[in-house]
Amino acid sequence: MRDVNKFISGFKRFQKDWLGPDAGLFDKLKKGQSPCTIVIACSDSRVDPLFLTNSRPGDLFVVRNVANLVPPCEPDAGHHGVSAALEYAVCHLEVDNIIVMGHSQCGGIRGLMEGICACSEHSFIGSWVGIAQHAKEKVLAELPDKPMDMQAGACEKAAILVSLENLMTFPWLKERVDNGQLALHGWYFDLQTGTLSGYSTDTSSFERIS
């Protein structure tokens, strides 16, 4: 079993760097947060949005889950963690941007494409990644004979678009988008090339940002 001492050491460095003599930022953060952007990112350990964007504490409101998915608005008695985070960020923090950040080599999307091997008959993962079922069907229809790696890569991007569509099913979010108060962005980080692409509505494709 691997221990957690490296993380304790890391926290000590955090204390020294951020809470020591130069603690001006955290003096402000103690009074509250005011991020301008919420990022819906994957739980994958390689794609931390704070690290990838070189952000400081307080810059981003971050929600991470398997395959960076946004479910549709479902106003029922269920437990809706992503939806609750969106509501808080949009209605209370009044963020200006929502970024759905996907990435290559996503295990959740690969599982969707290949069929989840569940730990039990009641699979949480299978149900969750099923949010992107439409993306899978689209890819299989357009790339029926292509290798799985290519299909999975296409589905990673298509799933971002599903999440962007689902965002617009939240009435209070759609109202802000329609009024120009809120902007939606679809980003894709390629681990192989180290590049970032953004979805363009003008070209209906992902174009390299950096």
N, C-alpha and C. Protein backbone atom coordinates (compact mmCIF):
# COMPACT_ATOMS: atom_id res chain seq x y z
N MET A 1 0.85 -1.20 0.00
CA MET A 1 0.00 0.00 0.00
C MET A 1 0.88 1.25 0.00
N ARG A 2 0.59 2.18 -0.87
CA ARG A 2 1.36 3.41 -0.96
C ARG A 2 0.86 4.41 0.09
N ASP A 3 1.81 5.04 0.80
CA ASP A 3 1.40 5.94 1.88
C ASP A 3 1.09 7.34 1.34
N VAL A 4 0.67 8.20 2.24
CA VAL A 4 0.24 9.54 1.85
C VAL A 4 1.22 10.61 2.32
N ASN A 5 2.41 10.23 2.72
CA ASN A 5 3.36 11.20 3.26
C ASN A 5 3.73 12.28 2.25
N LYS A 6 3.76 11.91 0.96
CA LYS A 6 4.11 12.90 -0.06
C LYS A 6 3.08 14.02 -0.10
N PHE A 7 1.82 13.69 0.20
CA PHE A 7 0.78 14.72 0.18
C PHE A 7 0.86 15.60 1.43
N ILE A 8 1.25 15.01 2.54
CA ILE A 8 1.44 15.80 3.76
C ILE A 8 2.61 16.77 3.56
N SER A 9 3.67 16.28 2.95
CA SER A 9 4.81 17.15 2.66
C SER A 9 4.41 18.26 1.70
N GLY A 10 3.58 17.89 0.74
CA GLY A 10 3.10 18.90 -0.21
C GLY A 10 2.26 19.96 0.47
N PHE A 11 1.43 19.56 1.43
CA PHE A 11 0.63 20.55 2.15
C PHE A 11 1.50 21.49 2.95
N LYS A 12 2.59 20.96 3.50
CA LYS A 12 3.50 21.82 4.26
C LYS A 12 4.13 22.86 3.35
N ARG A 13 4.46 22.47 2.11
CA ARG A 13 4.99 23.44 1.15
C ARG A 13 3.93 24.46 0.78
N PHE A 14 2.67 24.00 0.67
CA PHE A 14 1.56 24.91 0.40
C PHE A 14 1.44 25.94 1.53
N GLN A 15 1.52 25.48 2.77
CA GLN A 15 1.44 26.41 3.91
C GLN A 15 2.55 27.45 3.83
N LYS A 16 3.75 26.98 3.52
CA LYS A 16 4.90 27.89 3.46
C LYS A 16 4.74 28.91 2.35
N ASP A 17 4.28 28.44 1.17
CA ASP A 17 4.20 29.32 0.00
C ASP A 17 3.01 30.27 0.05
N TRP A 18 1.88 29.79 0.57
CA TRP A 18 0.65 30.56 0.48
C TRP A 18 0.17 31.15 1.80
N LEU A 19 0.54 30.56 2.90
CA LEU A 19 0.04 31.03 4.19
C LEU A 19 1.13 31.62 5.06
N GLY A 20 2.31 31.79 4.50
CA GLY A 20 3.43 32.36 5.24
C GLY A 20 3.46 33.87 5.15
N PRO A 21 4.66 34.43 5.05
CA PRO A 21 4.80 35.90 5.00
C PRO A 21 4.02 36.55 3.86
N ASP A 22 3.94 35.84 2.71
CA ASP A 22 3.23 36.40 1.55
C ASP A 22 1.85 35.77 1.47
N ALA A 23 0.98 36.12 2.39
CA ALA A 23 -0.34 35.49 2.49
C ALA A 23 -1.46 36.42 2.02
N GLY A 24 -1.10 37.38 1.17
CA GLY A 24 -2.09 38.37 0.75
C GLY A 24 -3.29 37.76 0.05
N LEU A 25 -3.05 36.77 -0.83
CA LEU A 25 -4.16 36.15 -1.55
C LEU A 25 -5.13 35.47 -0.59
N PHE A 26 -4.60 34.70 0.36
CA PHE A 26 -5.48 33.98 1.26
C PHE A 26 -6.16 34.91 2.26
N ASP A 27 -5.58 36.04 2.54
CA ASP A 27 -6.28 37.02 3.37
C ASP A 27 -7.57 37.47 2.68
N LYS A 28 -7.52 37.57 1.34
CA LYS A 28 -8.72 37.92 0.58
C LYS A 28 -9.69 36.74 0.51
N LEU A 29 -9.14 35.54 0.30
CA LEU A 29 -10.00 34.37 0.15
C LEU A 29 -10.72 34.01 1.45
N LYS A 30 -10.16 34.40 2.57
CA LYS A 30 -10.83 34.14 3.85
C LYS A 30 -12.18 34.84 3.91
N LYS A 31 -12.33 35.91 3.15
CA LYS A 31 -13.56 36.70 3.18
C LYS A 31 -14.61 36.19 2.20
N GLY A 32 -14.22 35.26 1.33
CA GLY A 32 -15.18 34.71 0.37
C GLY A 32 -14.52 34.43 -0.96
N GLN A 33 -15.27 33.78 -1.85
CA GLN A 33 -14.76 33.46 -3.17
C GLN A 33 -15.57 34.18 -4.25
N SER A 34 -14.90 34.48 -5.34
CA SER A 34 -15.59 35.11 -6.47
C SER A 34 -14.96 34.67 -7.78
N PRO A 35 -14.94 33.36 -8.06
CA PRO A 35 -14.37 32.89 -9.33
C PRO A 35 -15.24 33.34 -10.49
N CYS A 36 -14.61 33.53 -11.64
CA CYS A 36 -15.38 33.96 -12.82
C CYS A 36 -15.80 32.78 -13.67
N THR A 37 -15.28 31.60 -13.36
CA THR A 37 -15.50 30.45 -14.25
C THR A 37 -15.69 29.17 -13.45
N ILE A 38 -16.61 28.33 -13.93
CA ILE A 38 -16.74 26.97 -13.41
C ILE A 38 -16.25 26.01 -14.50
N VAL A 39 -15.46 25.04 -14.10
CA VAL A 39 -14.95 24.03 -15.02
C VAL A 39 -15.53 22.67 -14.65
N ILE A 40 -16.13 22.00 -15.62
CA ILE A 40 -16.57 20.62 -15.45
C ILE A 40 -15.49 19.76 -16.08
N ALA A 41 -14.72 19.08 -15.25
CA ALA A 41 -13.56 18.33 -15.71
C ALA A 41 -13.65 16.87 -15.30
N CYS A 42 -12.75 16.07 -15.86
CA CYS A 42 -12.73 14.65 -15.55
C CYS A 42 -11.97 14.39 -14.25
N SER A 43 -12.31 13.32 -13.58
CA SER A 43 -11.62 12.93 -12.35
C SER A 43 -10.24 12.35 -12.62
N ASP A 44 -9.91 12.09 -13.86
CA ASP A 44 -8.62 11.52 -14.24
C ASP A 44 -7.48 12.29 -13.56
N SER A 45 -6.56 11.56 -12.94
CA SER A 45 -5.49 12.18 -12.16
C SER A 45 -4.51 13.00 -13.00
N ARG A 46 -4.56 12.83 -14.31
CA ARG A 46 -3.60 13.51 -15.18
C ARG A 46 -4.08 14.86 -15.69
N VAL A 47 -5.33 15.20 -15.44
CA VAL A 47 -5.89 16.38 -16.11
C VAL A 47 -6.55 17.34 -15.11
N ASP A 48 -5.81 17.73 -14.10
CA ASP A 48 -6.30 18.69 -13.12
C ASP A 48 -6.42 20.07 -13.78
N PRO A 49 -7.62 20.64 -13.87
CA PRO A 49 -7.79 21.92 -14.58
C PRO A 49 -7.04 23.07 -13.93
N LEU A 50 -6.87 23.04 -12.62
CA LEU A 50 -6.11 24.10 -11.96
C LEU A 50 -4.66 24.07 -12.41
N PHE A 51 -4.11 22.86 -12.49
CA PHE A 51 -2.72 22.69 -12.92
C PHE A 51 -2.57 23.03 -14.40
N LEU A 52 -3.49 22.55 -15.22
CA LEU A 52 -3.39 22.76 -16.67
C LEU A 52 -3.51 24.22 -17.05
N THR A 53 -4.29 24.98 -16.31
CA THR A 53 -4.49 26.40 -16.63
C THR A 53 -3.61 27.33 -15.80
N ASN A 54 -2.74 26.72 -14.98
CA ASN A 54 -1.84 27.52 -14.14
C ASN A 54 -2.62 28.54 -13.29
N SER A 55 -3.74 28.07 -12.73
CA SER A 55 -4.60 28.96 -11.95
C SER A 55 -4.19 28.99 -10.48
N ARG A 56 -4.59 30.06 -9.82
CA ARG A 56 -4.33 30.20 -8.40
C ARG A 56 -5.58 29.83 -7.61
N PRO A 57 -5.44 29.56 -6.33
CA PRO A 57 -6.63 29.32 -5.51
C PRO A 57 -7.61 30.49 -5.64
N GLY A 58 -8.88 30.15 -5.84
CA GLY A 58 -9.90 31.18 -5.98
C GLY A 58 -10.24 31.53 -7.41
N ASP A 59 -9.42 31.08 -8.38
CA ASP A 59 -9.67 31.43 -9.78
C ASP A 59 -10.80 30.63 -10.41
N LEU A 60 -10.87 29.33 -10.08
CA LEU A 60 -11.82 28.43 -10.73
C LEU A 60 -12.70 27.72 -9.72
N PHE A 61 -13.96 27.58 -10.06
CA PHE A 61 -14.88 26.72 -9.32
C PHE A 61 -14.90 25.41 -10.10
N VAL A 62 -14.44 24.33 -9.49
CA VAL A 62 -14.18 23.10 -10.24
C VAL A 62 -15.10 21.97 -9.81
N VAL A 63 -15.68 21.29 -10.79
CA VAL A 63 -16.46 20.08 -10.57
C VAL A 63 -15.80 18.98 -11.40
N ARG A 64 -15.45 17.88 -10.75
CA ARG A 64 -14.81 16.78 -11.47
C ARG A 64 -15.61 15.51 -11.29
N ASN A 65 -15.76 14.77 -12.37
CA ASN A 65 -16.47 13.49 -12.33
C ASN A 65 -15.95 12.60 -13.44
N VAL A 66 -16.38 11.37 -13.46
CA VAL A 66 -15.96 10.43 -14.50
C VAL A 66 -16.42 10.93 -15.86
N ALA A 67 -15.46 11.19 -16.74
CA ALA A 67 -15.71 11.59 -18.13
C ALA A 67 -16.26 13.00 -18.28
N ASN A 68 -16.09 13.85 -17.26
CA ASN A 68 -16.48 15.27 -17.35
C ASN A 68 -17.87 15.47 -17.96
N LEU A 69 -18.85 14.76 -17.41
CA LEU A 69 -20.20 14.81 -17.98
C LEU A 69 -21.12 15.74 -17.21
N VAL A 70 -22.05 16.32 -17.94
CA VAL A 70 -23.13 17.11 -17.35
C VAL A 70 -24.44 16.40 -17.66
N PRO A 71 -25.20 16.01 -16.65
CA PRO A 71 -26.49 15.38 -16.91
C PRO A 71 -27.52 16.42 -17.32
N PRO A 72 -28.61 16.00 -17.93
CA PRO A 72 -29.70 16.96 -18.21
C PRO A 72 -30.38 17.37 -16.92
N CYS A 73 -31.09 18.48 -16.98
CA CYS A 73 -31.84 18.96 -15.81
C CYS A 73 -32.94 17.95 -15.48
N GLU A 74 -32.91 17.43 -14.26
CA GLU A 74 -33.90 16.46 -13.80
C GLU A 74 -34.41 16.89 -12.42
N PRO A 75 -35.42 17.74 -12.38
CA PRO A 75 -35.93 18.28 -11.11
C PRO A 75 -36.75 17.27 -10.33
N ASP A 76 -36.06 16.31 -9.73
CA ASP A 76 -36.75 15.31 -8.93
C ASP A 76 -36.06 15.20 -7.57
N ALA A 77 -36.39 14.18 -6.80
CA ALA A 77 -35.88 14.06 -5.45
C ALA A 77 -34.53 13.34 -5.37
N GLY A 78 -33.91 13.07 -6.52
CA GLY A 78 -32.63 12.38 -6.53
C GLY A 78 -31.50 13.28 -6.06
N HIS A 79 -30.34 12.66 -5.90
CA HIS A 79 -29.14 13.40 -5.50
C HIS A 79 -28.38 13.82 -6.75
N HIS A 80 -28.29 15.11 -7.00
CA HIS A 80 -27.72 15.62 -8.24
C HIS A 80 -26.53 16.53 -7.93
N GLY A 81 -25.36 15.92 -7.76
CA GLY A 81 -24.18 16.68 -7.35
C GLY A 81 -23.73 17.69 -8.38
N VAL A 82 -23.64 17.29 -9.65
CA VAL A 82 -23.20 18.21 -10.69
C VAL A 82 -24.20 19.35 -10.86
N SER A 83 -25.47 19.01 -10.85
CA SER A 83 -26.51 20.03 -11.02
C SER A 83 -26.50 21.02 -9.87
N ALA A 84 -26.27 20.53 -8.66
CA ALA A 84 -26.21 21.42 -7.50
C ALA A 84 -25.01 22.36 -7.60
N ALA A 85 -23.89 21.84 -8.04
CA ALA A 85 -22.70 22.68 -8.21
C ALA A 85 -22.92 23.75 -9.27
N LEU A 86 -23.58 23.36 -10.37
CA LEU A 86 -23.90 24.33 -11.42
C LEU A 86 -24.80 25.43 -10.88
N GLU A 87 -25.83 25.03 -10.14
CA GLU A 87 -26.76 26.01 -9.59
C GLU A 87 -26.04 27.00 -8.68
N TYR A 88 -25.16 26.46 -7.85
CA TYR A 88 -24.44 27.34 -6.92
C TYR A 88 -23.53 28.31 -7.68
N ALA A 89 -22.80 27.78 -8.67
CA ALA A 89 -21.87 28.61 -9.42
C ALA A 89 -22.58 29.68 -10.25
N VAL A 90 -23.68 29.29 -10.87
CA VAL A 90 -24.38 30.22 -11.78
C VAL A 90 -25.27 31.19 -11.02
N CYS A 91 -26.05 30.67 -10.09
CA CYS A 91 -27.06 31.51 -9.43
C CYS A 91 -26.53 32.27 -8.21
N HIS A 92 -25.51 31.75 -7.56
CA HIS A 92 -25.01 32.39 -6.34
C HIS A 92 -23.65 33.05 -6.55
N LEU A 93 -22.73 32.36 -7.19
CA LEU A 93 -21.44 32.99 -7.47
C LEU A 93 -21.49 33.86 -8.72
N GLU A 94 -22.49 33.64 -9.57
CA GLU A 94 -22.70 34.41 -10.79
C GLU A 94 -21.46 34.41 -11.69
N VAL A 95 -20.98 33.21 -11.99
CA VAL A 95 -19.82 33.08 -12.87
C VAL A 95 -20.16 33.58 -14.27
N ASP A 96 -19.12 33.91 -15.02
CA ASP A 96 -19.28 34.42 -16.38
C ASP A 96 -19.12 33.33 -17.44
N ASN A 97 -18.43 32.24 -17.06
CA ASN A 97 -18.11 31.18 -18.03
C ASN A 97 -18.32 29.80 -17.44
N ILE A 98 -18.71 28.87 -18.30
CA ILE A 98 -18.72 27.45 -17.97
C ILE A 98 -17.87 26.74 -19.01
N ILE A 99 -16.86 26.02 -18.54
CA ILE A 99 -16.00 25.25 -19.44
C ILE A 99 -16.21 23.77 -19.17
N VAL A 100 -16.56 23.02 -20.21
CA VAL A 100 -16.58 21.56 -20.13
C VAL A 100 -15.26 21.10 -20.73
N MET A 101 -14.39 20.52 -19.89
CA MET A 101 -13.05 20.16 -20.34
C MET A 101 -12.90 18.64 -20.42
N GLY A 102 -12.84 18.12 -21.65
CA GLY A 102 -12.59 16.71 -21.87
C GLY A 102 -11.13 16.47 -22.18
N HIS A 103 -10.77 15.21 -22.40
CA HIS A 103 -9.36 14.90 -22.66
C HIS A 103 -9.24 13.56 -23.37
N SER A 104 -8.08 13.33 -23.94
CA SER A 104 -7.79 12.07 -24.61
C SER A 104 -7.52 10.98 -23.58
N GLN A 105 -7.60 9.73 -24.01
CA GLN A 105 -7.36 8.56 -23.16
C GLN A 105 -8.30 8.53 -21.95
N CYS A 106 -9.52 8.98 -22.13
CA CYS A 106 -10.48 9.01 -21.02
C CYS A 106 -11.02 7.60 -20.75
N GLY A 107 -10.79 7.10 -19.55
CA GLY A 107 -11.23 5.76 -19.20
C GLY A 107 -12.73 5.61 -19.18
N GLY A 108 -13.43 6.66 -18.76
CA GLY A 108 -14.89 6.60 -18.72
C GLY A 108 -15.49 6.47 -20.10
N ILE A 109 -14.97 7.26 -21.04
CA ILE A 109 -15.48 7.18 -22.41
C ILE A 109 -15.09 5.85 -23.06
N ARG A 110 -13.89 5.39 -22.77
CA ARG A 110 -13.48 4.08 -23.29
C ARG A 110 -14.41 2.99 -22.78
N GLY A 111 -14.77 3.09 -21.50
CA GLY A 111 -15.69 2.13 -20.94
C GLY A 111 -17.05 2.19 -21.59
N LEU A 112 -17.51 3.40 -21.90
CA LEU A 112 -18.79 3.55 -22.61
C LEU A 112 -18.73 2.87 -23.97
N MET A 113 -17.63 3.07 -24.68
CA MET A 113 -17.51 2.52 -26.03
C MET A 113 -17.40 0.99 -26.01
N GLU A 114 -16.68 0.46 -25.03
CA GLU A 114 -16.43 -0.98 -25.01
C GLU A 114 -17.45 -1.75 -24.19
N GLY A 115 -18.19 -1.05 -23.33
CA GLY A 115 -19.09 -1.70 -22.40
C GLY A 115 -18.43 -1.84 -21.06
N ILE A 116 -19.02 -1.22 -20.05
CA ILE A 116 -18.41 -1.18 -18.72
C ILE A 116 -18.32 -2.57 -18.12
N CYS A 117 -17.15 -2.87 -17.55
CA CYS A 117 -16.98 -4.08 -16.75
C CYS A 117 -17.24 -3.68 -15.30
N ALA A 118 -18.43 -3.91 -14.81
CA ALA A 118 -18.87 -3.37 -13.53
C ALA A 118 -18.35 -4.18 -12.36
N CYS A 119 -18.22 -3.53 -11.20
CA CYS A 119 -17.82 -4.22 -9.97
C CYS A 119 -18.97 -5.06 -9.43
N SER A 120 -20.18 -4.68 -9.76
CA SER A 120 -21.35 -5.43 -9.33
C SER A 120 -22.45 -5.24 -10.36
N GLU A 121 -23.57 -5.91 -10.17
CA GLU A 121 -24.66 -5.78 -11.14
C GLU A 121 -25.28 -4.40 -11.10
N HIS A 122 -25.10 -3.67 -10.00
CA HIS A 122 -25.60 -2.30 -9.90
C HIS A 122 -24.42 -1.35 -10.11
N SER A 123 -24.10 -1.09 -11.35
CA SER A 123 -22.93 -0.28 -11.68
C SER A 123 -23.26 1.21 -11.67
N PHE A 124 -22.59 1.93 -10.81
CA PHE A 124 -22.73 3.39 -10.82
C PHE A 124 -22.08 3.97 -12.07
N ILE A 125 -20.93 3.42 -12.46
CA ILE A 125 -20.20 3.97 -13.60
C ILE A 125 -20.99 3.80 -14.89
N GLY A 126 -21.55 2.61 -15.09
CA GLY A 126 -22.29 2.36 -16.32
C GLY A 126 -23.46 3.30 -16.50
N SER A 127 -24.19 3.52 -15.42
CA SER A 127 -25.32 4.44 -15.47
C SER A 127 -24.86 5.86 -15.74
N TRP A 128 -23.74 6.24 -15.12
CA TRP A 128 -23.25 7.61 -15.25
C TRP A 128 -22.78 7.90 -16.67
N VAL A 129 -21.90 7.05 -17.21
CA VAL A 129 -21.38 7.34 -18.55
C VAL A 129 -22.46 7.18 -19.62
N GLY A 130 -23.56 6.53 -19.25
CA GLY A 130 -24.68 6.44 -20.17
C GLY A 130 -25.26 7.79 -20.56
N ILE A 131 -24.90 8.82 -19.80
CA ILE A 131 -25.30 10.18 -20.17
C ILE A 131 -24.83 10.51 -21.58
N ALA A 132 -23.69 9.93 -21.96
CA ALA A 132 -23.11 10.20 -23.28
C ALA A 132 -23.45 9.13 -24.31
N GLN A 133 -24.50 8.36 -24.08
CA GLN A 133 -24.88 7.30 -25.00
C GLN A 133 -25.13 7.82 -26.42
N HIS A 134 -25.73 8.99 -26.51
CA HIS A 134 -25.99 9.59 -27.82
C HIS A 134 -24.69 9.85 -28.57
N ALA A 135 -23.65 10.26 -27.84
CA ALA A 135 -22.35 10.49 -28.46
C ALA A 135 -21.79 9.19 -29.01
N LYS A 136 -21.91 8.12 -28.25
CA LYS A 136 -21.44 6.81 -28.71
C LYS A 136 -22.17 6.39 -29.97
N GLU A 137 -23.47 6.52 -29.98
CA GLU A 137 -24.26 6.11 -31.14
C GLU A 137 -23.87 6.92 -32.38
N LYS A 138 -23.62 8.20 -32.18
CA LYS A 138 -23.23 9.07 -33.30
C LYS A 138 -21.89 8.62 -33.88
N VAL A 139 -20.95 8.33 -33.00
CA VAL A 139 -19.63 7.91 -33.45
C VAL A 139 -19.70 6.57 -34.18
N LEU A 140 -20.45 5.62 -33.65
CA LEU A 140 -20.56 4.31 -34.29
C LEU A 140 -21.23 4.41 -35.65
N ALA A 141 -22.15 5.37 -35.79
CA ALA A 141 -22.82 5.55 -37.08
C ALA A 141 -21.89 6.20 -38.10
N GLU A 142 -21.03 7.11 -37.64
CA GLU A 142 -20.16 7.85 -38.55
C GLU A 142 -18.83 7.15 -38.80
N LEU A 143 -18.36 6.37 -37.83
CA LEU A 143 -17.07 5.69 -37.94
C LEU A 143 -17.21 4.20 -37.64
N PRO A 144 -18.08 3.51 -38.35
CA PRO A 144 -18.41 2.13 -37.98
C PRO A 144 -17.24 1.15 -38.10
N ASP A 145 -16.32 1.39 -39.01
CA ASP A 145 -15.26 0.43 -39.27
C ASP A 145 -13.89 0.90 -38.80
N LYS A 146 -13.86 1.99 -38.04
CA LYS A 146 -12.58 2.52 -37.59
C LYS A 146 -12.10 1.81 -36.33
N PRO A 147 -10.79 1.86 -36.05
CA PRO A 147 -10.24 1.24 -34.84
C PRO A 147 -10.86 1.87 -33.58
N MET A 148 -10.86 1.08 -32.49
CA MET A 148 -11.45 1.56 -31.25
C MET A 148 -10.80 2.85 -30.76
N ASP A 149 -9.49 2.98 -30.91
CA ASP A 149 -8.82 4.20 -30.44
C ASP A 149 -9.38 5.43 -31.13
N MET A 150 -9.63 5.32 -32.43
CA MET A 150 -10.18 6.45 -33.17
C MET A 150 -11.63 6.72 -32.75
N GLN A 151 -12.39 5.67 -32.58
CA GLN A 151 -13.78 5.83 -32.14
C GLN A 151 -13.84 6.47 -30.76
N ALA A 152 -12.99 6.00 -29.85
CA ALA A 152 -13.00 6.54 -28.49
C ALA A 152 -12.60 8.01 -28.50
N GLY A 153 -11.60 8.36 -29.30
CA GLY A 153 -11.19 9.76 -29.40
C GLY A 153 -12.31 10.65 -29.92
N ALA A 154 -13.03 10.15 -30.92
CA ALA A 154 -14.16 10.92 -31.46
C ALA A 154 -15.27 11.05 -30.42
N CYS A 155 -15.48 10.01 -29.64
CA CYS A 155 -16.53 10.03 -28.63
C CYS A 155 -16.17 10.98 -27.49
N GLU A 156 -14.89 11.09 -27.17
CA GLU A 156 -14.47 12.03 -26.13
C GLU A 156 -14.90 13.46 -26.49
N LYS A 157 -14.75 13.80 -27.76
CA LYS A 157 -15.15 15.13 -28.20
C LYS A 157 -16.67 15.25 -28.32
N ALA A 158 -17.30 14.20 -28.84
CA ALA A 158 -18.76 14.23 -28.99
C ALA A 158 -19.45 14.33 -27.64
N ALA A 159 -18.86 13.71 -26.61
CA ALA A 159 -19.45 13.76 -25.28
C ALA A 159 -19.42 15.17 -24.70
N ILE A 160 -18.39 15.93 -25.05
CA ILE A 160 -18.33 17.33 -24.62
C ILE A 160 -19.54 18.09 -25.17
N LEU A 161 -19.89 17.83 -26.41
CA LEU A 161 -21.03 18.51 -27.03
C LEU A 161 -22.34 18.08 -26.39
N VAL A 162 -22.44 16.81 -25.99
CA VAL A 162 -23.63 16.36 -25.26
C VAL A 162 -23.77 17.14 -23.96
N SER A 163 -22.67 17.33 -23.25
CA SER A 163 -22.72 18.07 -22.00
C SER A 163 -23.10 19.53 -22.23
N LEU A 164 -22.59 20.12 -23.29
CA LEU A 164 -22.96 21.51 -23.60
C LEU A 164 -24.45 21.61 -23.90
N GLU A 165 -24.99 20.62 -24.60
CA GLU A 165 -26.42 20.60 -24.87
C GLU A 165 -27.22 20.44 -23.58
N ASN A 166 -26.74 19.57 -22.72
CA ASN A 166 -27.44 19.34 -21.45
C ASN A 166 -27.43 20.57 -20.56
N LEU A 167 -26.37 21.36 -20.63
CA LEU A 167 -26.33 22.59 -19.84
C LEU A 167 -27.52 23.49 -20.16
N MET A 168 -27.91 23.51 -21.41
CA MET A 168 -28.99 24.40 -21.83
C MET A 168 -30.37 23.89 -21.43
N THR A 169 -30.44 22.73 -20.78
CA THR A 169 -31.74 22.26 -20.27
C THR A 169 -32.05 22.82 -18.89
N PHE A 170 -31.09 23.52 -18.28
CA PHE A 170 -31.33 24.16 -16.99
C PHE A 170 -31.89 25.55 -17.26
N PRO A 171 -33.14 25.84 -16.90
CA PRO A 171 -33.79 27.10 -17.29
C PRO A 171 -33.03 28.34 -16.85
N TRP A 172 -32.57 28.37 -15.61
CA TRP A 172 -31.86 29.54 -15.09
C TRP A 172 -30.50 29.73 -15.75
N LEU A 173 -29.92 28.66 -16.25
CA LEU A 173 -28.65 28.75 -16.98
C LEU A 173 -28.90 29.23 -18.41
N LYS A 174 -29.89 28.65 -19.06
CA LYS A 174 -30.22 29.05 -20.43
C LYS A 174 -30.59 30.53 -20.50
N GLU A 175 -31.32 31.00 -19.51
CA GLU A 175 -31.72 32.41 -19.50
C GLU A 175 -30.49 33.32 -19.50
N ARG A 176 -29.49 32.96 -18.72
CA ARG A 176 -28.27 33.79 -18.65
C ARG A 176 -27.47 33.71 -19.94
N VAL A 177 -27.45 32.53 -20.56
CA VAL A 177 -26.76 32.40 -21.85
C VAL A 177 -27.46 33.24 -22.91
N ASP A 178 -28.77 33.14 -22.95
CA ASP A 178 -29.55 33.89 -23.95
C ASP A 178 -29.41 35.40 -23.75
N ASN A 179 -29.21 35.83 -22.51
CA ASN A 179 -29.08 37.26 -22.21
C ASN A 179 -27.65 37.76 -22.35
N GLY A 180 -26.73 36.87 -22.69
CA GLY A 180 -25.34 37.28 -22.84
C GLY A 180 -24.59 37.43 -21.53
N GLN A 181 -25.16 36.92 -20.44
CA GLN A 181 -24.50 37.02 -19.14
C GLN A 181 -23.56 35.84 -18.86
N LEU A 182 -23.69 34.80 -19.65
CA LEU A 182 -22.94 33.57 -19.39
C LEU A 182 -22.51 32.96 -20.72
N ALA A 183 -21.27 32.50 -20.79
CA ALA A 183 -20.74 31.89 -22.01
C ALA A 183 -20.36 30.44 -21.73
N LEU A 184 -20.64 29.57 -22.70
CA LEU A 184 -20.31 28.16 -22.58
C LEU A 184 -19.15 27.82 -23.51
N HIS A 185 -18.24 26.98 -23.02
CA HIS A 185 -17.05 26.61 -23.78
C HIS A 185 -16.82 25.11 -23.71
N GLY A 186 -16.44 24.50 -24.81
CA GLY A 186 -16.05 23.10 -24.84
C GLY A 186 -14.57 22.99 -25.15
N TRP A 187 -13.79 22.44 -24.23
CA TRP A 187 -12.34 22.31 -24.40
C TRP A 187 -11.94 20.85 -24.41
N TYR A 188 -10.86 20.55 -25.13
CA TYR A 188 -10.35 19.18 -25.22
C TYR A 188 -8.84 19.21 -25.10
N PHE A 189 -8.32 18.52 -24.08
CA PHE A 189 -6.88 18.45 -23.85
C PHE A 189 -6.35 17.13 -24.38
N ASP A 190 -5.38 17.20 -25.27
CA ASP A 190 -4.78 16.02 -25.88
C ASP A 190 -3.50 15.67 -25.11
N LEU A 191 -3.54 14.57 -24.39
CA LEU A 191 -2.39 14.15 -23.59
C LEU A 191 -1.18 13.82 -24.46
N GLN A 192 -1.43 13.27 -25.65
CA GLN A 192 -0.33 12.86 -26.52
C GLN A 192 0.47 14.04 -27.04
N THR A 193 -0.22 15.10 -27.43
CA THR A 193 0.45 16.25 -28.04
C THR A 193 0.62 17.41 -27.07
N GLY A 194 -0.05 17.36 -25.94
CA GLY A 194 0.04 18.46 -24.99
C GLY A 194 -0.64 19.73 -25.48
N THR A 195 -1.66 19.57 -26.34
CA THR A 195 -2.34 20.73 -26.90
C THR A 195 -3.78 20.82 -26.39
N LEU A 196 -4.31 22.02 -26.46
CA LEU A 196 -5.67 22.29 -26.04
C LEU A 196 -6.47 22.80 -27.22
N SER A 197 -7.66 22.22 -27.41
CA SER A 197 -8.55 22.65 -28.50
C SER A 197 -9.88 23.12 -27.93
N GLY A 198 -10.51 24.03 -28.63
CA GLY A 198 -11.81 24.53 -28.22
C GLY A 198 -12.83 24.33 -29.33
N TYR A 199 -14.07 24.07 -28.94
CA TYR A 199 -15.11 23.85 -29.94
C TYR A 199 -15.56 25.17 -30.53
N SER A 200 -15.59 25.23 -31.85
CA SER A 200 -16.03 26.42 -32.57
C SER A 200 -17.40 26.18 -33.18
N THR A 201 -18.36 27.00 -32.83
CA THR A 201 -19.69 26.88 -33.44
C THR A 201 -19.68 27.33 -34.90
N ASP A 202 -18.68 28.13 -35.26
CA ASP A 202 -18.59 28.59 -36.64
C ASP A 202 -18.21 27.46 -37.59
N THR A 203 -17.30 26.61 -37.14
CA THR A 203 -16.81 25.53 -37.99
C THR A 203 -17.35 24.16 -37.57
N SER A 204 -18.08 24.13 -36.45
CA SER A 204 -18.59 22.86 -35.89
C SER A 204 -17.48 21.84 -35.71
N SER A 205 -16.35 22.32 -35.20
CA SER A 205 -15.22 21.44 -34.97
C SER A 205 -14.36 21.98 -33.84
N PHE A 206 -13.48 21.13 -33.33
CA PHE A 206 -12.53 21.56 -32.31
C PHE A 206 -11.28 22.12 -32.98
N GLU A 207 -10.93 23.34 -32.61
CA GLU A 207 -9.77 24.01 -33.19
C GLU A 207 -8.75 24.29 -32.11
N ARG A 208 -7.47 24.14 -32.46
CA ARG A 208 -6.41 24.29 -31.48
C ARG A 208 -6.38 25.70 -30.90
N ILE A 209 -6.35 25.76 -29.58
CA ILE A 209 -6.24 27.03 -28.87
C ILE A 209 -4.78 27.30 -28.54
N SER A 210 -4.09 26.25 -28.06
CA SER A 210 -2.70 26.40 -27.63
C SER A 210 -1.96 25.10 -27.86
